[in-house]
């Protein structure tokens, strides 16, 4: 039994899970945007294989969110977990569109890819630890800024209250002096 999900809501990218990943498997994230996949691409109309990494047992690597692959892959691969195998059906507008990709992919072709997510990794030059540490550092700075702003706001409120109290005392003294002078003049 397989799970089929319309990822775009319009049938443009449909993912059918062929093999589920383990429950605790990693998925692509902002911290793990580099992915390695095995895949085989076929033309939906003829079933003809136009590309595959399986023949030479290589992996195809790319970074999600950079526009280096067709839109259908950007949409579908980010929903996968390491070890998962999925059949991804891509309508032309999410693949190569009216131009196709000659000579292998004709114009307006619906494509079917069987994709296995082999790995997801941090960007080159960063480790998951350094990315997580940087995120934690930025969160801590944000908390400190918010606490400082709240403290400043509280101090300002106290100063304003003190000014208002002082003004009220001065006003009361002026009123009492005014009232006292008025009584003396009446006599």
C-alpha atoms as a PDB file:
ATOM      1  CA  UNK A   1       0.000   0.000   0.000  1.00  0.00           C
ATOM      2  CA  UNK A   2       1.354   3.434  -0.883  1.00  0.00           C
ATOM      3  CA  UNK A   3       0.665   6.974   0.237  1.00  0.00           C
ATOM      4  CA  UNK A   4      -0.132   9.452  -2.545  1.00  0.00           C
ATOM      5  CA  UNK A   5      -0.006  13.193  -1.852  1.00  0.00           C
ATOM      6  CA  UNK A   6      -0.875  16.045  -4.216  1.00  0.00           C
ATOM      7  CA  UNK A   7       1.838  18.463  -3.112  1.00  0.00           C
ATOM      8  CA  UNK A   8       0.616  21.430  -5.157  1.00  0.00           C
ATOM      9  CA  UNK A   9      -3.130  20.959  -4.763  1.00  0.00           C
ATOM     10  CA  UNK A  10      -3.625  21.082  -8.524  1.00  0.00           C
ATOM     11  CA  UNK A  11      -2.094  17.754  -9.583  1.00  0.00           C
ATOM     12  CA  UNK A  12       1.078  19.521 -10.753  1.00  0.00           C
ATOM     13  CA  UNK A  13       3.366  17.576  -8.421  1.00  0.00           C
ATOM     14  CA  UNK A  14       2.102  14.290  -7.020  1.00  0.00           C
ATOM     15  CA  UNK A  15       4.239  12.194  -4.674  1.00  0.00           C
ATOM     16  CA  UNK A  16       3.607   8.527  -4.085  1.00  0.00           C
ATOM     17  CA  UNK A  17       5.704   6.999  -1.321  1.00  0.00           C
ATOM     18  CA  UNK A  18       7.165   3.708  -2.522  1.00  0.00           C
ATOM     19  CA  UNK A  19       9.252   3.046   0.603  1.00  0.00           C
ATOM     20  CA  UNK A  20       8.914   4.927   3.883  1.00  0.00           C
ATOM     21  CA  UNK A  21      11.959   6.195   5.734  1.00  0.00           C
ATOM     22  CA  UNK A  22      12.608   5.203   9.321  1.00  0.00           C
ATOM     23  CA  UNK A  23      10.644   7.335  11.784  1.00  0.00           C
ATOM     24  CA  UNK A  24      13.742   9.103  13.134  1.00  0.00           C
ATOM     25  CA  UNK A  25      15.301   9.788   9.709  1.00  0.00           C
ATOM     26  CA  UNK A  26      16.517  13.291   8.863  1.00  0.00           C
ATOM     27  CA  UNK A  27      14.653  15.497   6.430  1.00  0.00           C
ATOM     28  CA  UNK A  28      15.988  18.511   4.538  1.00  0.00           C
ATOM     29  CA  UNK A  29      15.831  21.730   6.577  1.00  0.00           C
ATOM     30  CA  UNK A  30      17.394  25.185   6.513  1.00  0.00           C
ATOM     31  CA  UNK A  31      20.283  23.601   8.461  1.00  0.00           C
ATOM     32  CA  UNK A  32      20.469  20.619   6.080  1.00  0.00           C
ATOM     33  CA  UNK A  33      19.737  22.010   2.594  1.00  0.00           C
ATOM     34  CA  UNK A  34      22.266  19.942   0.609  1.00  0.00           C
ATOM     35  CA  UNK A  35      20.720  16.700  -0.592  1.00  0.00           C
ATOM     36  CA  UNK A  36      22.002  13.588  -2.335  1.00  0.00           C
ATOM     37  CA  UNK A  37      19.523  11.554  -4.361  1.00  0.00           C
ATOM     38  CA  UNK A  38      19.374   8.480  -6.575  1.00  0.00           C
ATOM     39  CA  UNK A  39      16.780   8.826  -9.290  1.00  0.00           C
ATOM     40  CA  UNK A  40      15.390   7.488 -12.526  1.00  0.00           C
ATOM     41  CA  UNK A  41      13.373   9.760 -14.797  1.00  0.00           C
ATOM     42  CA  UNK A  42      10.860   8.468 -17.320  1.00  0.00           C
ATOM     43  CA  UNK A  43       8.481  10.060 -19.798  1.00  0.00           C
ATOM     44  CA  UNK A  44       4.915   9.448 -18.580  1.00  0.00           C
ATOM     45  CA  UNK A  45       3.611   9.096 -22.136  1.00  0.00           C
ATOM     46  CA  UNK A  46       6.012   6.384 -23.321  1.00  0.00           C
ATOM     47  CA  UNK A  47       7.646   5.044 -20.150  1.00  0.00           C
ATOM     48  CA  UNK A  48      11.027   5.709 -21.769  1.00  0.00           C
ATOM     49  CA  UNK A  49      13.870   6.323 -19.294  1.00  0.00           C
ATOM     50  CA  UNK A  50      15.595   9.608 -20.133  1.00  0.00           C
ATOM     51  CA  UNK A  51      18.002   9.888 -17.184  1.00  0.00           C
ATOM     52  CA  UNK A  52      19.195   7.790 -14.264  1.00  0.00           C
ATOM     53  CA  UNK A  53      21.844   7.665 -11.560  1.00  0.00           C
ATOM     54  CA  UNK A  54      21.168   3.984 -10.999  1.00  0.00           C
ATOM     55  CA  UNK A  55      23.071   2.729 -14.043  1.00  0.00           C
ATOM     56  CA  UNK A  56      26.406   4.020 -12.786  1.00  0.00           C
ATOM     57  CA  UNK A  57      25.415   3.985  -9.087  1.00  0.00           C
ATOM     58  CA  UNK A  58      26.144   7.687  -8.620  1.00  0.00           C
ATOM     59  CA  UNK A  59      24.260  10.237  -6.572  1.00  0.00           C
ATOM     60  CA  UNK A  60      23.016  13.590  -7.743  1.00  0.00           C
ATOM     61  CA  UNK A  61      23.683  16.410  -5.251  1.00  0.00           C
ATOM     62  CA  UNK A  62      22.042  19.811  -5.108  1.00  0.00           C
ATOM     63  CA  UNK A  63      21.013  22.512  -2.652  1.00  0.00           C
ATOM     64  CA  UNK A  64      17.315  23.048  -2.085  1.00  0.00           C
ATOM     65  CA  UNK A  65      16.029  26.569  -2.551  1.00  0.00           C
ATOM     66  CA  UNK A  66      18.647  27.607  -5.108  1.00  0.00           C
ATOM     67  CA  UNK A  67      16.626  26.902  -8.264  1.00  0.00           C
ATOM     68  CA  UNK A  68      19.204  24.463  -9.607  1.00  0.00           C
ATOM     69  CA  UNK A  69      16.610  21.744 -10.267  1.00  0.00           C
ATOM     70  CA  UNK A  70      13.113  21.660 -11.692  1.00  0.00           C
ATOM     71  CA  UNK A  71      10.392  23.142  -9.502  1.00  0.00           C
ATOM     72  CA  UNK A  72       8.774  19.737  -8.913  1.00  0.00           C
ATOM     73  CA  UNK A  73      11.968  18.506  -7.254  1.00  0.00           C
ATOM     74  CA  UNK A  74      12.207  21.616  -5.059  1.00  0.00           C
ATOM     75  CA  UNK A  75       8.651  20.947  -3.898  1.00  0.00           C
ATOM     76  CA  UNK A  76       8.833  17.169  -3.487  1.00  0.00           C
ATOM     77  CA  UNK A  77      12.333  16.501  -2.141  1.00  0.00           C
ATOM     78  CA  UNK A  78      11.877  18.859   0.810  1.00  0.00           C
ATOM     79  CA  UNK A  79       8.943  16.664   1.932  1.00  0.00           C
ATOM     80  CA  UNK A  80      11.071  13.507   1.973  1.00  0.00           C
ATOM     81  CA  UNK A  81      13.190  11.849   4.666  1.00  0.00           C
ATOM     82  CA  UNK A  82      16.523  10.068   4.234  1.00  0.00           C
ATOM     83  CA  UNK A  83      15.865   6.489   3.092  1.00  0.00           C
ATOM     84  CA  UNK A  84      12.483   7.321   1.591  1.00  0.00           C
ATOM     85  CA  UNK A  85      11.786   6.327  -2.010  1.00  0.00           C
ATOM     86  CA  UNK A  86       9.027   8.182  -3.808  1.00  0.00           C
ATOM     87  CA  UNK A  87       7.517   8.320  -7.267  1.00  0.00           C
ATOM     88  CA  UNK A  88       7.131  11.966  -8.226  1.00  0.00           C
ATOM     89  CA  UNK A  89       4.805  12.788 -11.123  1.00  0.00           C
ATOM     90  CA  UNK A  90       5.509  16.225 -12.559  1.00  0.00           C
ATOM     91  CA  UNK A  91       3.213  18.112 -14.901  1.00  0.00           C
ATOM     92  CA  UNK A  92       5.081  20.173 -17.543  1.00  0.00           C
ATOM     93  CA  UNK A  93       4.601  23.489 -15.725  1.00  0.00           C
ATOM     94  CA  UNK A  94       6.582  22.065 -12.772  1.00  0.00           C
ATOM     95  CA  UNK A  95       9.224  20.448 -15.003  1.00  0.00           C
ATOM     96  CA  UNK A  96      10.532  21.686 -18.373  1.00  0.00           C
ATOM     97  CA  UNK A  97       7.326  23.298 -19.662  1.00  0.00           C
ATOM     98  CA  UNK A  98       6.620  24.052 -23.306  1.00  0.00           C
ATOM     99  CA  UNK A  99      10.348  24.180 -24.133  1.00  0.00           C
ATOM    100  CA  UNK A 100      11.099  20.660 -22.966  1.00  0.00           C
ATOM    101  CA  UNK A 101      14.764  19.706 -22.689  1.00  0.00           C
ATOM    102  CA  UNK A 102      15.804  18.437 -26.119  1.00  0.00           C
ATOM    103  CA  UNK A 103      16.685  15.897 -27.232  1.00  0.00           C
ATOM    104  CA  UNK A 104      15.530  13.698 -24.332  1.00  0.00           C
ATOM    105  CA  UNK A 105      12.457  15.522 -23.035  1.00  0.00           C
ATOM    106  CA  UNK A 106       9.863  16.747 -25.547  1.00  0.00           C
ATOM    107  CA  UNK A 107       7.829  19.948 -25.053  1.00  0.00           C
ATOM    108  CA  UNK A 108       4.914  19.765 -22.587  1.00  0.00           C
ATOM    109  CA  UNK A 109       6.042  16.390 -21.224  1.00  0.00           C
ATOM    110  CA  UNK A 110       4.740  14.955 -17.967  1.00  0.00           C
ATOM    111  CA  UNK A 111       7.641  13.290 -16.170  1.00  0.00           C
ATOM    112  CA  UNK A 112       7.811  10.563 -13.578  1.00  0.00           C
ATOM    113  CA  UNK A 113      10.824  10.293 -11.298  1.00  0.00           C
ATOM    114  CA  UNK A 114      11.553   7.578  -8.806  1.00  0.00           C
ATOM    115  CA  UNK A 115      13.680   9.377  -6.242  1.00  0.00           C
ATOM    116  CA  UNK A 116      15.510   8.045  -3.201  1.00  0.00           C
ATOM    117  CA  UNK A 117      16.728  10.618  -0.707  1.00  0.00           C
ATOM    118  CA  UNK A 118      20.160   9.299   0.240  1.00  0.00           C
ATOM    119  CA  UNK A 119      21.411  12.109   2.495  1.00  0.00           C
ATOM    120  CA  UNK A 120      20.898  15.694   3.619  1.00  0.00           C
ATOM    121  CA  UNK A 121      23.841  17.739   4.829  1.00  0.00           C
ATOM    122  CA  UNK A 122      24.732  21.247   5.969  1.00  0.00           C
ATOM    123  CA  UNK A 123      26.098  23.786   3.477  1.00  0.00           C
ATOM    124  CA  UNK A 124      29.750  23.498   2.638  1.00  0.00           C
ATOM    125  CA  UNK A 125      31.874  25.399   5.126  1.00  0.00           C
ATOM    126  CA  UNK A 126      29.421  24.918   7.951  1.00  0.00           C
ATOM    127  CA  UNK A 127      28.691  21.989  10.130  1.00  0.00           C
ATOM    128  CA  UNK A 128      25.351  21.207  11.634  1.00  0.00           C
ATOM    129  CA  UNK A 129      26.858  22.116  14.997  1.00  0.00           C
ATOM    130  CA  UNK A 130      28.062  25.510  13.829  1.00  0.00           C
ATOM    131  CA  UNK A 131      24.717  26.266  12.161  1.00  0.00           C
ATOM    132  CA  UNK A 132      22.812  25.240  15.282  1.00  0.00           C
ATOM    133  CA  UNK A 133      25.223  27.139  17.508  1.00  0.00           C
ATOM    134  CA  UNK A 134      24.871  30.269  15.364  1.00  0.00           C
ATOM    135  CA  UNK A 135      21.088  29.992  15.447  1.00  0.00           C
ATOM    136  CA  UNK A 136      21.193  29.566  19.240  1.00  0.00           C
ATOM    137  CA  UNK A 137      23.570  32.555  19.533  1.00  0.00           C
ATOM    138  CA  UNK A 138      21.235  34.723  17.437  1.00  0.00           C
ATOM    139  CA  UNK A 139      18.223  33.615  19.501  1.00  0.00           C
ATOM    140  CA  UNK A 140      20.097  34.502  22.702  1.00  0.00           C
ATOM    141  CA  UNK A 141      21.001  37.935  21.294  1.00  0.00           C
ATOM    142  CA  UNK A 142      17.358  38.467  20.379  1.00  0.00           C
ATOM    143  CA  UNK A 143      16.266  37.502  23.906  1.00  0.00           C
ATOM    144  CA  UNK A 144      18.864  39.869  25.385  1.00  0.00           C
ATOM    145  CA  UNK A 145      17.703  42.724  23.133  1.00  0.00           C
ATOM    146  CA  UNK A 146      14.079  42.075  24.084  1.00  0.00           C
ATOM    147  CA  UNK A 147      14.963  41.968  27.798  1.00  0.00           C
ATOM    148  CA  UNK A 148      16.972  45.195  27.495  1.00  0.00           C
ATOM    149  CA  UNK A 149      14.115  46.879  25.623  1.00  0.00           C
ATOM    150  CA  UNK A 150      11.627  45.719  28.278  1.00  0.00           C
ATOM    151  CA  UNK A 151      13.909  47.003  31.044  1.00  0.00           C
ATOM    152  CA  UNK A 152      14.294  50.377  29.303  1.00  0.00           C
ATOM    153  CA  UNK A 153      10.537  50.565  28.829  1.00  0.00           C
ATOM    154  CA  UNK A 154       9.999  49.801  32.541  1.00  0.00           C
ATOM    155  CA  UNK A 155      12.567  52.468  33.542  1.00  0.00           C
ATOM    156  CA  UNK A 156      10.900  55.003  31.223  1.00  0.00           C
ATOM    157  CA  UNK A 157       7.513  54.151  32.746  1.00  0.00           C
ATOM    158  CA  UNK A 158       8.917  54.710  36.268  1.00  0.00           C
ATOM    159  CA  UNK A 159      10.489  58.031  35.219  1.00  0.00           C
ATOM    160  CA  UNK A 160       7.197  59.136  33.647  1.00  0.00           C
ATOM    161  CA  UNK A 161       5.311  58.126  36.811  1.00  0.00           C
ATOM    162  CA  UNK A 162       7.835  60.021  38.968  1.00  0.00           C
ATOM    163  CA  UNK A 163       7.509  63.101  36.735  1.00  0.00           C
ATOM    164  CA  UNK A 164       3.730  62.887  36.897  1.00  0.00           C
ATOM    165  CA  UNK A 165       3.834  62.560  40.708  1.00  0.00           C
ATOM    166  CA  UNK A 166       6.238  65.518  40.994  1.00  0.00           C
ATOM    167  CA  UNK A 167       4.059  67.598  38.695  1.00  0.00           C
ATOM    168  CA  UNK A 168       1.004  66.686  40.775  1.00  0.00           C
ATOM    169  CA  UNK A 169       2.811  67.728  43.995  1.00  0.00           C
ATOM    170  CA  UNK A 170       3.876  71.027  42.440  1.00  0.00           C
ATOM    171  CA  UNK A 171       0.357  71.599  41.130  1.00  0.00           C
ATOM    172  CA  UNK A 172      -1.064  70.846  44.593  1.00  0.00           C
ATOM    173  CA  UNK A 173       1.357  73.312  46.217  1.00  0.00           C
ATOM    174  CA  UNK A 174       0.448  75.981  43.666  1.00  0.00           C
ATOM    175  CA  UNK A 175      -3.236  75.325  44.266  1.00  0.00           C
ATOM    176  CA  UNK A 176      -2.807  75.550  48.026  1.00  0.00           C
ATOM    177  CA  UNK A 177      -0.821  78.784  47.732  1.00  0.00           C
ATOM    178  CA  UNK A 178      -3.411  80.202  45.370  1.00  0.00           C
ATOM    179  CA  UNK A 179      -6.170  79.144  47.682  1.00  0.00           C
ATOM    180  CA  UNK A 180      -4.395  80.611  50.713  1.00  0.00           C
ATOM    181  CA  UNK A 181      -3.732  83.997  49.046  1.00  0.00           C
ATOM    182  CA  UNK A 182      -7.300  84.213  47.910  1.00  0.00           C
ATOM    183  CA  UNK A 183      -8.583  83.741  51.485  1.00  0.00           C
ATOM    184  CA  UNK A 184      -6.270  86.448  52.808  1.00  0.00           C
ATOM    185  CA  UNK A 185      -7.415  88.945  50.181  1.00  0.00           C
ATOM    186  CA  UNK A 186     -11.077  88.307  50.984  1.00  0.00           C
ATOM    187  CA  UNK A 187     -10.620  89.276  54.592  1.00  0.00           C
END
